[in-house]
Amino acid sequence: MNLSRSFFRLFRREHSRRAADEERRSAGAPARAAEAVIEAALNSLGGSSAIPIGTTDSGRVLSVDHSTLVSSGLVVGATGAGKSRFLVGLILQLLERLASGVEIELVDPKYETYDLLSLALAALWLKTSPWKRDELSSRIRVIDWARDWITPSAPFERVSADVSDAYLARLRADVVVQANARDYTDAMRHGYFMLGRLLIEKQFPMNLRFVTKLFRDEPFRRRISSGIADPDVREYFRDLDRNLPKQTSEGLLRRIQEDFSFPEIRYSEGIPPAALRKLVPTGAPAIVLGNYSSRMSLPQSKAIERANHRIVDVLLKAPRRSQLRPGLLLLEESPVLLSRSSELIDPLTTAARTLRSVGMGIVHLAQDFSNALPADLVRTLVLNSRWTAMFRVREDAELIYPHVLWLDEPQKAMPESVKRKVFAKTMEGLPQRRFYFHAKGYPALPATSLEVQDFAQSAGVSSDDELREIFSREIASRWVIPTSLAARLIAEWEAEVIDRAEVAPSSPKAGGKRPHKSLSDLLRDLGKDEEAPE
C-alpha cells in the first residue's frame, strides 16, 4: 500500500515537471501564437455548463466548466486582494446555474467570508418569492455561537456504524490536544482519549461535573464502569487510579475546566446527543455556513478546535454522501487550521485528490501558503488541486510562474532569473480583483474577477446591518437555541446521570461495513476509486 502510494507520488511529480516544461516552451512562442494558446484555453475551459468567474484583458468572459470548479482548488491572496469576494461570487454562480444543485460547506475561522456570504443569502432571501422563502431558509444551516444563543453540537455523538468508537475518540482527542495553547503530556492525551471512548459508548456529552465525579468519586466511577460494554474502557476506569495517576487526572480536569469556563463552549457542547437530536432540523441542508472566529470572546485555540471538529465530521461522512449533487468544502485560512492539527493533513490532502469519486472537492484559501506551511505540504496541496486562483501575493507567485505565458517580446527575451523577479513584482502589485487563473493542463490566464454587487442596495434595504438582522432572524434562527434552553437540558441530564446516577446499560452498536479504526481506514474510504495520477 505504501509502496504503491509512493510510486503514484513520484509519477505525479514527473508528470508535473513535464507539464511545466511544455508550458515554458509555449511561453517562448511568438506573441500571436501565445494569444492563440490563450484563446484555445478559453474555449476549452468553458465546456457545456460554464460558470463565469472573471473577464480577460481582451474583454472576454473567463468561464470555466462547473466540473472543474467543484474539484479541489486553491485561492491565494493578501488581505484586501479580493479573494473572499471572488469566492462568494463563485458560490452564488454555482447556486444559480447548477440545475441539480450544489452542496457548500464553509469553515471560516476569521468571520469575513462568513459575514459576506450571510449578507448575500439575506439579500437572496428578500428577492425570493414569499412562498419560496421558507424553502430557501430550510436549505441553509448556520453554525455560530454567542453569549445568549448557540448552535448546539455533539462531538461525542456516534457518526455512523462504520466509524469505530476508538477512532472517533482518537480524532477528537488529537484535535483538542493540537489546538490547545497548553501542552498535554502523553498520559493526559491518553486519558482524554479513553474519556472520549466512554462518552461515545454511553452517548454522554462532555460535562465538567460528570468528569470531576468520575475521576474523584470511586463508587460513582464503579457504577458507571459496570454499564460499559467495551472491556478495554471498562477495565481502564475500574482501575483508574493506576491507569491515570492522580496528578495527571487533576491536570486533565484543569484543562477541561478552563474550556468549559466559556459559556459558548459549555452550552454548545454540553447538551446530550439524545436531546440534541430532538432540537435540530432533520433535513440535509445544501449550504452550511460555519463561523469559527474567536471575536474576542473565545481563545483562538478554541475557535480552531471547533473548526477542526467540524472538518472531522465532514470527512467522516464524505464517503457516504449523495453523488447526485456536487459538493465543495471551503476552508478559509487553511494554513491556520492545518498548522494546528497534523492529524487532519493526510485525510485532507488525500481527499483533495480522491473525493471526486463522490462528487466533492476541497478548496483551500490562504493569505500566504509558502511561508505558513511546510514546503512538502504546500507541494502536496498544489499537486492535488485541479485549479488555482492567485491574487496579490509575494512568495506564492512561484506557484503560478511556470504556467504564465509571456506576450511582450522584450520581456520574453529577458533571462529566466530576471523574468522571475519581474513576475514576482507584478504579482506583489496586483490591484484588487486582479488574479491569475490556472487549471491543470492549461496556461495561467490573467483576469479580473467579476464585481460582487452591493447586497444591501440590490435587496432594497438601507444597510448591511439590516441584512445581518434578516439573516439572523429568518435563516440562522432555525439552527440556534437560547443558552437558557441549553442550560436547562444540561441541568436535567446532570440531575439524572450525576445526582441520581441513573445510567442505562450501553446499547449495542449497529453493524455496518468495515469500520474506521485508524487513519488508514479513513484514507481507504476517502481514496476509493482513486483518480489516475496527474
Protein backbone atom coordinates (compact mmCIF):
# COMPACT_ATOMS: atom_id res chain seq x y z
CA MET A 1 0.00 0.00 0.00
CA ASN A 2 2.73 2.47 0.99
CA LEU A 3 4.92 1.43 -1.97
CA SER A 4 2.00 1.99 -4.33
CA ARG A 5 1.31 5.46 -2.93
CA SER A 6 5.00 6.36 -3.18
CA PHE A 7 5.03 5.28 -6.82
CA PHE A 8 1.99 7.40 -7.61
CA ARG A 9 3.55 10.41 -5.88
CA LEU A 10 6.73 10.05 -7.97
CA PHE A 11 4.63 9.62 -11.11
CA ARG A 12 2.69 12.83 -10.39
CA ARG A 13 5.90 14.78 -9.73
CA GLU A 14 7.36 13.68 -13.06
CA HIS A 15 4.13 14.49 -14.90
CA SER A 16 4.00 17.92 -13.26
CA ARG A 17 7.62 18.62 -14.28
CA ARG A 18 6.94 17.65 -17.88
CA ALA A 19 3.80 19.79 -18.00
CA ALA A 20 5.74 22.79 -16.66
CA ASP A 21 8.49 22.25 -19.27
CA GLU A 22 5.88 22.13 -22.02
CA GLU A 23 4.29 25.37 -20.84
CA ARG A 24 7.69 27.07 -20.68
CA ARG A 25 8.26 26.05 -24.31
CA SER A 26 4.89 27.54 -25.20
CA ALA A 27 5.94 30.75 -23.47
CA GLY A 28 8.77 31.08 -25.99
CA ALA A 29 6.41 31.20 -28.96
CA PRO A 30 5.72 34.48 -30.81
CA ALA A 31 3.09 36.75 -29.24
CA ARG A 32 0.50 35.84 -31.86
CA ALA A 33 0.97 32.13 -31.14
CA ALA A 34 0.70 32.76 -27.37
CA GLU A 35 -2.53 34.66 -27.89
CA ALA A 36 -3.83 31.71 -29.89
CA VAL A 37 -2.96 29.42 -26.97
CA ILE A 38 -4.94 31.67 -24.60
CA GLU A 39 -7.90 31.74 -26.98
CA ALA A 40 -7.84 27.95 -27.27
CA ALA A 41 -7.65 27.64 -23.47
CA LEU A 42 -10.66 29.92 -23.00
CA ASN A 43 -12.68 27.88 -25.48
CA SER A 44 -11.68 24.57 -23.92
CA LEU A 45 -12.22 25.63 -20.28
CA GLY A 46 -15.81 26.70 -20.92
CA GLY A 47 -17.49 23.38 -21.60
CA SER A 48 -21.23 22.80 -21.70
CA SER A 49 -22.01 24.17 -18.23
CA ALA A 50 -19.59 27.07 -17.88
CA ILE A 51 -19.56 29.32 -14.81
CA PRO A 52 -18.29 32.90 -15.34
CA ILE A 53 -15.57 33.86 -12.85
CA GLY A 54 -13.95 36.93 -14.45
CA THR A 55 -13.04 38.84 -17.58
CA THR A 56 -9.78 38.69 -19.54
CA ASP A 57 -7.69 41.65 -20.71
CA SER A 58 -9.35 41.40 -24.13
CA GLY A 59 -12.77 41.82 -22.50
CA ARG A 60 -13.84 38.22 -22.98
CA VAL A 61 -15.64 36.48 -20.12
CA LEU A 62 -13.49 33.85 -18.39
CA SER A 63 -15.87 30.93 -17.95
CA VAL A 64 -14.92 27.55 -16.51
CA ASP A 65 -16.91 24.34 -16.66
CA HIS A 66 -18.52 23.56 -13.30
CA SER A 67 -16.88 20.11 -13.20
CA THR A 68 -13.53 21.88 -12.80
CA LEU A 69 -14.71 24.44 -10.26
CA VAL A 70 -16.28 21.84 -7.96
CA SER A 71 -12.98 19.96 -7.90
CA SER A 72 -10.28 20.73 -5.36
CA GLY A 73 -8.59 24.11 -5.72
CA LEU A 74 -6.51 26.87 -4.15
CA VAL A 75 -7.41 30.54 -3.70
CA VAL A 76 -4.44 32.60 -2.55
CA GLY A 77 -4.13 36.33 -1.96
CA ALA A 78 -3.22 39.03 0.52
CA THR A 79 -5.80 40.72 2.72
CA GLY A 80 -7.94 43.04 0.61
CA ALA A 81 -6.87 41.48 -2.70
CA GLY A 82 -10.38 40.24 -3.44
CA LYS A 83 -10.27 36.50 -2.77
CA SER A 84 -13.26 36.47 -0.37
CA ARG A 85 -15.49 38.31 -2.84
CA PHE A 86 -14.25 36.03 -5.61
CA LEU A 87 -15.26 33.03 -3.50
CA VAL A 88 -18.69 34.45 -2.67
CA GLY A 89 -19.27 35.29 -6.33
CA LEU A 90 -18.30 31.73 -7.28
CA ILE A 91 -20.70 30.26 -4.71
CA LEU A 92 -23.58 32.43 -5.91
CA GLN A 93 -22.90 31.49 -9.53
CA LEU A 94 -22.88 27.78 -8.67
CA LEU A 95 -26.12 28.10 -6.71
CA GLU A 96 -27.79 29.96 -9.58
CA ARG A 97 -26.57 27.96 -12.55
CA LEU A 98 -26.41 24.32 -11.45
CA ALA A 99 -29.87 22.91 -12.04
CA SER A 100 -29.07 19.79 -9.99
CA GLY A 101 -27.98 21.96 -7.05
CA VAL A 102 -24.71 22.07 -5.14
CA GLU A 103 -23.70 21.44 -1.53
CA ILE A 104 -21.43 24.05 0.06
CA GLU A 105 -19.67 23.80 3.44
CA LEU A 106 -17.79 26.91 4.60
CA VAL A 107 -15.36 26.62 7.52
CA ASP A 108 -14.30 30.19 8.34
CA PRO A 109 -12.03 30.89 11.32
CA LYS A 110 -11.83 34.63 10.59
CA TYR A 111 -15.52 35.68 10.05
CA GLU A 112 -15.11 37.90 6.95
CA THR A 113 -16.22 35.37 4.32
CA TYR A 114 -18.97 34.04 6.60
CA ASP A 115 -20.29 37.59 7.04
CA LEU A 116 -20.11 38.40 3.33
CA LEU A 117 -21.93 35.21 2.36
CA SER A 118 -24.58 35.76 5.03
CA LEU A 119 -25.26 39.21 3.52
CA ALA A 120 -25.58 37.64 0.07
CA LEU A 121 -28.01 34.97 1.30
CA ALA A 122 -30.10 37.51 3.22
CA ALA A 123 -30.36 39.61 0.06
CA LEU A 124 -31.30 36.48 -1.92
CA TRP A 125 -33.97 35.68 0.68
CA LEU A 126 -35.50 39.17 0.28
CA LYS A 127 -35.58 38.81 -3.51
CA THR A 128 -37.18 35.35 -3.34
CA SER A 129 -40.93 34.99 -3.73
CA PRO A 130 -42.60 34.96 -0.28
CA TRP A 131 -43.97 31.43 -0.75
CA LYS A 132 -40.46 30.12 -1.52
CA ARG A 133 -38.58 31.84 1.29
CA ASP A 134 -39.21 29.08 3.80
CA GLU A 135 -37.78 26.52 1.38
CA LEU A 136 -34.68 28.66 0.90
CA SER A 137 -34.16 29.09 4.65
CA SER A 138 -34.51 25.35 5.23
CA ARG A 139 -31.62 24.67 2.83
CA ILE A 140 -29.14 26.77 4.82
CA ARG A 141 -27.56 25.57 8.05
CA VAL A 142 -25.71 28.02 10.29
CA ILE A 143 -23.01 27.12 12.84
CA ASP A 144 -22.31 30.04 15.15
CA TRP A 145 -22.06 30.87 18.84
CA ALA A 146 -22.72 33.90 21.02
CA ARG A 147 -23.19 34.53 24.72
CA ASP A 148 -27.02 34.35 24.59
CA TRP A 149 -27.53 31.71 21.88
CA ILE A 150 -25.56 28.82 20.41
CA THR A 151 -25.59 26.27 17.63
CA PRO A 152 -25.58 23.01 19.59
CA SER A 153 -23.14 20.28 18.65
CA ALA A 154 -22.26 16.83 19.93
CA PRO A 155 -18.59 15.97 19.30
CA PHE A 156 -19.01 12.61 21.05
CA GLU A 157 -22.13 11.50 19.21
CA ARG A 158 -21.57 8.44 17.05
CA VAL A 159 -21.09 9.38 13.42
CA SER A 160 -22.16 6.07 11.88
CA ALA A 161 -21.87 2.33 12.37
CA ASP A 162 -18.77 2.14 10.16
CA VAL A 163 -16.72 4.56 12.33
CA SER A 164 -15.36 2.83 15.42
CA ASP A 165 -15.73 4.49 18.82
CA ALA A 166 -11.96 4.30 19.36
CA TYR A 167 -11.14 6.01 16.06
CA LEU A 168 -13.64 8.81 16.62
CA ALA A 169 -12.28 9.30 20.15
CA ARG A 170 -8.73 9.45 18.79
CA LEU A 171 -9.65 12.12 16.25
CA ARG A 172 -11.43 14.21 18.89
CA ALA A 173 -8.50 13.89 21.30
CA ASP A 174 -5.94 14.84 18.65
CA VAL A 175 -7.93 17.90 17.60
CA VAL A 176 -8.21 19.08 21.22
CA VAL A 177 -4.56 18.45 22.06
CA GLN A 178 -3.12 20.01 18.90
CA ALA A 179 -5.35 23.09 19.01
CA ASN A 180 -4.72 23.79 22.70
CA ALA A 181 -2.24 26.51 23.58
CA ARG A 182 -1.08 24.50 26.62
CA ASP A 183 0.85 21.25 26.35
CA TYR A 184 -0.74 17.87 27.00
CA THR A 185 1.51 15.10 28.27
CA ASP A 186 1.17 11.69 26.62
CA ALA A 187 -0.64 10.44 29.73
CA MET A 188 -3.10 13.35 29.66
CA ARG A 189 -3.77 12.87 25.95
CA HIS A 190 -4.38 9.15 26.51
CA GLY A 191 -6.69 9.98 29.43
CA TYR A 192 -8.72 12.30 27.20
CA PHE A 193 -8.83 9.59 24.52
CA MET A 194 -10.19 7.00 26.96
CA LEU A 195 -12.66 9.50 28.37
CA GLY A 196 -13.84 10.12 24.80
CA ARG A 197 -14.37 6.39 24.26
CA LEU A 198 -16.54 6.26 27.38
CA LEU A 199 -18.59 9.30 26.32
CA ILE A 200 -19.14 7.90 22.83
CA GLU A 201 -20.22 4.47 24.07
CA LYS A 202 -22.60 5.92 26.67
CA GLN A 203 -23.65 8.78 24.33
CA PHE A 204 -22.85 11.33 27.03
CA PRO A 205 -21.78 14.92 26.40
CA MET A 206 -18.55 16.37 27.71
CA ASN A 207 -19.53 17.73 31.14
CA LEU A 208 -17.25 19.13 33.83
CA ARG A 209 -19.39 17.92 36.76
CA PHE A 210 -19.54 14.41 35.32
CA VAL A 211 -15.80 14.17 34.61
CA THR A 212 -14.95 15.55 38.05
CA LYS A 213 -17.12 12.98 39.80
CA LEU A 214 -15.89 10.21 37.51
CA PHE A 215 -12.27 10.97 38.36
CA ARG A 216 -12.68 11.69 42.08
CA ASP A 217 -15.59 9.54 43.30
CA GLU A 218 -14.70 5.83 43.22
CA PRO A 219 -18.21 4.44 43.99
CA PHE A 220 -19.68 6.59 41.23
CA ARG A 221 -16.92 5.50 38.85
CA ARG A 222 -17.56 1.83 39.58
CA ARG A 223 -21.26 2.33 38.95
CA ILE A 224 -20.58 3.94 35.59
CA SER A 225 -17.95 1.31 34.68
CA SER A 226 -20.33 -1.57 35.38
CA GLY A 227 -22.53 -0.48 32.48
CA ILE A 228 -19.73 -0.13 29.91
CA ALA A 229 -19.75 -2.82 27.24
CA ASP A 230 -16.24 -2.26 25.85
CA PRO A 231 -13.93 -4.33 28.09
CA ASP A 232 -10.90 -2.09 27.50
CA VAL A 233 -12.78 1.03 28.57
CA ARG A 234 -14.48 -0.77 31.46
CA GLU A 235 -11.23 -2.05 32.94
CA TYR A 236 -9.44 1.26 32.38
CA PHE A 237 -11.94 3.16 34.52
CA ARG A 238 -12.34 0.42 37.10
CA ASP A 239 -8.64 0.75 37.83
CA LEU A 240 -8.35 4.45 37.04
CA ASP A 241 -6.01 5.35 39.90
CA ARG A 242 -3.36 3.04 38.48
CA ASN A 243 -4.00 3.83 34.81
CA LEU A 244 -4.22 7.60 35.25
CA PRO A 245 -2.15 8.94 38.15
CA LYS A 246 -3.84 11.48 40.39
CA GLN A 247 -1.59 14.33 39.32
CA THR A 248 -2.34 13.61 35.66
CA SER A 249 -6.10 13.33 36.15
CA GLU A 250 -6.14 16.62 38.06
CA GLY A 251 -4.15 18.27 35.27
CA LEU A 252 -6.65 16.98 32.70
CA LEU A 253 -9.53 18.25 34.83
CA ARG A 254 -7.95 21.70 34.89
CA ARG A 255 -7.78 21.74 31.08
CA ILE A 256 -11.46 20.77 30.81
CA GLN A 257 -12.41 23.32 33.47
CA GLU A 258 -10.67 26.07 31.50
CA ASP A 259 -12.50 25.09 28.31
CA PHE A 260 -15.91 24.98 29.96
CA SER A 261 -15.45 28.32 31.69
CA PHE A 262 -16.60 29.84 28.38
CA PRO A 263 -20.43 29.75 28.09
CA GLU A 264 -20.22 29.29 24.31
CA ILE A 265 -18.36 26.02 24.82
CA ARG A 266 -20.25 24.83 27.88
CA TYR A 267 -23.68 25.24 26.29
CA SER A 268 -22.87 24.30 22.69
CA GLU A 269 -21.07 21.04 23.54
CA GLY A 270 -22.84 20.09 26.77
CA ILE A 271 -26.28 19.08 25.50
CA PRO A 272 -26.66 15.27 25.49
CA PRO A 273 -26.92 13.80 21.96
CA ALA A 274 -30.37 12.28 22.66
CA ALA A 275 -31.78 15.73 23.47
CA LEU A 276 -29.91 17.34 20.60
CA ARG A 277 -31.48 15.04 18.03
CA LYS A 278 -34.88 16.41 19.03
CA LEU A 279 -33.79 20.02 18.61
CA VAL A 280 -32.16 20.30 15.20
CA PRO A 281 -33.96 20.05 11.84
CA THR A 282 -33.73 16.65 10.20
CA GLY A 283 -33.31 17.68 6.56
CA ALA A 284 -29.95 17.74 4.79
CA PRO A 285 -29.03 21.40 4.11
CA ALA A 286 -27.49 22.48 0.80
CA ILE A 287 -25.33 25.18 2.41
CA VAL A 288 -23.54 25.04 5.78
CA LEU A 289 -22.03 28.32 6.97
CA GLY A 290 -19.67 27.92 9.90
CA ASN A 291 -18.34 30.94 11.78
CA TYR A 292 -15.42 29.74 13.90
CA SER A 293 -13.84 33.10 14.68
CA SER A 294 -13.00 33.92 18.30
CA ARG A 295 -14.36 37.52 18.10
CA MET A 296 -12.67 38.43 21.39
CA SER A 297 -14.96 36.12 23.38
CA LEU A 298 -13.01 32.87 22.98
CA PRO A 299 -9.32 31.97 22.76
CA GLN A 300 -8.27 31.39 19.18
CA SER A 301 -7.28 27.83 20.09
CA LYS A 302 -10.90 27.00 20.99
CA ALA A 303 -12.17 28.52 17.74
CA ILE A 304 -9.70 26.42 15.74
CA GLU A 305 -10.65 23.35 17.75
CA ARG A 306 -14.32 23.82 16.88
CA ALA A 307 -13.49 24.29 13.21
CA ASN A 308 -11.37 21.13 13.10
CA HIS A 309 -14.07 19.10 14.85
CA ARG A 310 -16.39 20.13 12.03
CA ILE A 311 -13.84 19.15 9.37
CA VAL A 312 -13.59 15.73 11.03
CA ASP A 313 -17.39 15.39 10.77
CA VAL A 314 -17.41 16.31 7.08
CA LEU A 315 -14.57 13.94 6.16
CA LEU A 316 -16.05 11.02 8.08
CA LYS A 317 -19.38 11.45 6.30
CA ALA A 318 -17.91 12.16 2.85
CA PRO A 319 -17.62 8.53 1.64
CA ARG A 320 -21.37 8.13 2.22
CA ARG A 321 -22.57 11.44 0.76
CA SER A 322 -25.04 11.51 -2.11
CA GLN A 323 -23.39 11.87 -5.52
CA LEU A 324 -26.49 13.45 -7.04
CA ARG A 325 -25.20 16.94 -6.27
CA PRO A 326 -21.59 18.18 -6.42
CA GLY A 327 -20.16 19.46 -3.16
CA LEU A 328 -17.40 21.82 -2.01
CA LEU A 329 -15.68 22.06 1.36
CA LEU A 330 -14.26 25.58 1.61
CA LEU A 331 -11.50 26.08 4.18
CA GLU A 332 -10.85 29.76 4.86
CA GLU A 333 -7.35 30.47 6.17
CA SER A 334 -6.50 26.82 5.65
CA PRO A 335 -2.91 27.14 6.98
CA VAL A 336 -4.27 28.33 10.34
CA LEU A 337 -6.31 25.13 10.60
CA LEU A 338 -3.72 22.70 9.23
CA SER A 339 -0.79 24.06 11.22
CA ARG A 340 -2.71 23.27 14.43
CA SER A 341 -3.91 19.79 13.50
CA SER A 342 -1.38 17.45 11.90
CA GLU A 343 -3.83 14.53 12.21
CA LEU A 344 -6.03 16.17 9.55
CA ILE A 345 -3.31 16.73 6.97
CA ASP A 346 -3.28 13.25 5.41
CA PRO A 347 -7.09 12.92 5.14
CA LEU A 348 -7.42 16.44 3.71
CA THR A 349 -4.67 16.07 1.14
CA THR A 350 -5.87 12.61 0.13
CA ALA A 351 -9.46 13.84 -0.04
CA ALA A 352 -8.42 16.75 -2.27
CA ARG A 353 -7.45 14.21 -4.92
CA THR A 354 -9.89 11.37 -4.37
CA LEU A 355 -13.23 12.79 -3.29
CA ARG A 356 -14.10 13.48 -6.90
CA SER A 357 -15.37 9.91 -6.90
CA VAL A 358 -18.22 11.07 -4.63
CA GLY A 359 -18.65 14.43 -6.34
CA MET A 360 -16.85 16.55 -3.75
CA GLY A 361 -13.90 18.95 -3.81
CA ILE A 362 -11.91 20.86 -1.19
CA VAL A 363 -10.88 24.47 -1.74
CA HIS A 364 -8.09 25.87 0.44
CA LEU A 365 -7.98 29.65 0.91
CA ALA A 366 -5.00 31.48 2.37
CA GLN A 367 -3.13 34.76 2.50
CA ASP A 368 0.24 33.04 2.39
CA PHE A 369 0.77 29.36 1.65
CA SER A 370 4.51 29.24 1.10
CA ASN A 371 5.52 30.71 4.46
CA ALA A 372 2.66 29.39 6.58
CA LEU A 373 3.04 25.67 5.83
CA PRO A 374 5.94 23.22 5.35
CA ALA A 375 7.24 23.09 1.79
CA ASP A 376 6.30 19.42 1.28
CA LEU A 377 2.71 20.12 2.38
CA VAL A 378 2.47 23.12 0.04
CA ARG A 379 3.67 20.93 -2.82
CA THR A 380 1.14 18.23 -1.94
CA LEU A 381 -1.74 20.72 -1.89
CA VAL A 382 -0.68 22.21 -5.22
CA LEU A 383 -0.33 18.79 -6.87
CA ASN A 384 -3.72 17.68 -5.55
CA SER A 385 -5.56 20.81 -6.68
CA ARG A 386 -7.17 20.94 -10.08
CA TRP A 387 -7.25 24.74 -10.25
CA THR A 388 -5.70 27.83 -8.64
CA ALA A 389 -6.86 31.44 -8.38
CA MET A 390 -3.84 33.60 -7.47
CA PHE A 391 -4.47 37.18 -6.32
CA ARG A 392 -1.93 39.70 -4.98
CA VAL A 393 0.88 37.70 -3.32
CA ARG A 394 4.62 37.69 -2.68
CA GLU A 395 6.42 34.35 -2.37
CA ASP A 396 3.39 32.39 -3.61
CA ALA A 397 3.90 33.86 -7.09
CA GLU A 398 6.33 30.98 -7.65
CA LEU A 399 3.42 28.53 -7.56
CA ILE A 400 1.89 30.07 -10.69
CA TYR A 401 5.02 31.28 -12.52
CA PRO A 402 5.78 28.10 -14.56
CA HIS A 403 2.35 28.33 -16.20
CA VAL A 404 2.45 32.00 -17.29
CA LEU A 405 2.63 32.95 -20.98
CA TRP A 406 4.72 35.99 -21.87
CA LEU A 407 3.13 38.10 -24.61
CA ASP A 408 5.55 41.03 -24.57
CA GLU A 409 8.55 40.35 -26.84
CA PRO A 410 11.15 42.32 -24.82
CA GLN A 411 10.09 40.55 -21.63
CA LYS A 412 10.28 37.15 -23.30
CA ALA A 413 13.87 37.86 -24.25
CA MET A 414 14.93 38.52 -20.65
CA PRO A 415 16.97 35.92 -18.73
CA GLU A 416 14.93 33.45 -16.68
CA SER A 417 16.07 34.88 -13.35
CA VAL A 418 15.06 38.40 -14.40
CA LYS A 419 11.66 37.22 -15.62
CA ARG A 420 11.00 35.59 -12.26
CA LYS A 421 11.78 38.83 -10.46
CA VAL A 422 9.61 40.85 -12.85
CA PHE A 423 6.70 38.46 -12.39
CA ALA A 424 7.10 38.46 -8.61
CA LYS A 425 6.97 42.26 -8.59
CA THR A 426 3.92 42.20 -10.85
CA MET A 427 2.10 39.79 -8.52
CA GLU A 428 3.03 41.82 -5.45
CA GLY A 429 1.44 44.90 -7.01
CA LEU A 430 -1.72 43.39 -8.49
CA PRO A 431 -4.72 45.68 -7.93
CA GLN A 432 -7.82 44.47 -6.13
CA ARG A 433 -9.81 41.79 -8.00
CA ARG A 434 -6.93 41.16 -10.42
CA PHE A 435 -5.82 37.48 -10.48
CA TYR A 436 -4.37 34.63 -12.49
CA PHE A 437 -6.49 31.53 -13.04
CA HIS A 438 -4.71 28.25 -13.70
CA ALA A 439 -6.41 24.92 -14.36
CA LYS A 440 -4.21 21.86 -14.77
CA GLY A 441 -3.26 21.33 -18.37
CA TYR A 442 -3.80 25.00 -19.31
CA PRO A 443 -1.72 28.18 -19.13
CA ALA A 444 -2.30 30.67 -16.32
CA LEU A 445 -4.80 33.26 -17.56
CA PRO A 446 -4.70 36.86 -16.26
CA ALA A 447 -8.17 38.19 -15.49
CA THR A 448 -10.26 40.48 -13.32
CA SER A 449 -12.82 38.82 -11.06
CA LEU A 450 -16.49 39.64 -11.52
CA GLU A 451 -17.65 42.56 -9.43
CA VAL A 452 -19.80 41.44 -6.50
CA GLN A 453 -22.80 43.69 -6.11
CA ASP A 454 -23.66 45.79 -3.08
CA PHE A 455 -26.03 43.33 -1.42
CA ALA A 456 -27.93 45.89 0.65
CA GLN A 457 -28.53 48.09 -2.37
CA SER A 458 -29.57 45.18 -4.59
CA ALA A 459 -32.06 43.99 -1.96
CA GLY A 460 -33.50 47.45 -1.41
CA VAL A 461 -32.52 47.82 2.25
CA SER A 462 -30.68 50.65 3.94
CA SER A 463 -27.59 48.89 5.32
CA ASP A 464 -25.64 45.69 5.76
CA ASP A 465 -26.72 45.63 9.41
CA GLU A 466 -30.31 45.29 8.26
CA LEU A 467 -29.32 42.31 6.13
CA ARG A 468 -27.48 40.77 9.10
CA GLU A 469 -30.62 41.11 11.22
CA ILE A 470 -32.71 39.44 8.49
CA PHE A 471 -30.18 36.62 8.16
CA SER A 472 -30.18 36.05 11.91
CA ARG A 473 -33.98 36.15 12.24
CA GLU A 474 -35.06 34.27 9.10
CA ILE A 475 -32.21 31.82 8.47
CA ALA A 476 -29.84 31.33 11.40
CA SER A 477 -32.65 31.10 13.97
CA ARG A 478 -33.54 27.61 12.72
CA TRP A 479 -30.22 26.25 13.92
CA VAL A 480 -29.55 28.16 17.14
CA ILE A 481 -31.14 27.85 20.58
CA PRO A 482 -31.07 30.20 23.56
CA THR A 483 -28.45 29.41 26.16
CA SER A 484 -31.23 29.30 28.74
CA LEU A 485 -32.70 26.23 26.99
CA ALA A 486 -29.26 24.64 26.71
CA ALA A 487 -28.68 25.25 30.43
CA ARG A 488 -31.98 23.58 31.31
CA LEU A 489 -31.29 20.49 29.17
CA ILE A 490 -27.81 20.15 30.66
CA ALA A 491 -29.16 20.52 34.21
CA GLU A 492 -31.78 17.82 33.56
CA TRP A 493 -29.10 15.44 32.29
CA GLU A 494 -26.84 16.20 35.28
CA ALA A 495 -29.69 15.53 37.72
CA GLU A 496 -30.36 12.13 36.14
CA VAL A 497 -26.82 10.88 35.48
CA ILE A 498 -24.71 12.63 38.12
CA ASP A 499 -27.03 13.30 41.06
CA ARG A 500 -29.23 10.19 40.87
CA ALA A 501 -26.71 8.01 38.95
CA GLU A 502 -29.50 6.66 36.73
CA VAL A 503 -27.38 5.31 33.88
CA ALA A 504 -28.78 2.79 31.43
CA PRO A 505 -26.51 0.00 30.12
CA SER A 506 -24.82 0.72 26.80
CA SER A 507 -26.91 -0.25 23.79
CA PRO A 508 -25.15 -2.49 21.25
CA LYS A 509 -23.69 -0.67 18.29
CA ALA A 510 -25.42 -1.32 14.99
CA GLY A 511 -23.48 -3.35 12.47
CA GLY A 512 -22.14 -1.87 9.25
CA LYS A 513 -19.40 -2.18 6.69
CA ARG A 514 -15.73 -2.30 7.62
CA PRO A 515 -15.30 0.19 10.45
CA HIS A 516 -12.81 3.02 10.57
CA LYS A 517 -10.40 2.04 13.33
CA SER A 518 -7.43 4.11 12.21
CA LEU A 519 -6.28 6.91 9.95
CA SER A 520 -5.51 4.42 7.18
CA ASP A 521 -9.11 3.17 7.32
CA LEU A 522 -10.43 6.69 6.71
CA LEU A 523 -7.94 7.17 3.88
CA ARG A 524 -9.12 3.85 2.48
CA ASP A 525 -12.68 5.12 2.13
CA LEU A 526 -11.63 8.59 1.04
CA GLY A 527 -9.35 7.01 -1.53
CA LYS A 528 -11.74 4.52 -3.11
CA ASP A 529 -11.97 4.77 -6.88
CA GLU A 530 -8.87 6.94 -6.91
CA GLU A 531 -8.20 9.08 -9.93
CA ALA A 532 -5.35 8.20 -12.20
CA PRO A 533 -2.27 10.15 -11.17
CA GLU A 534 -1.84 13.55 -12.78
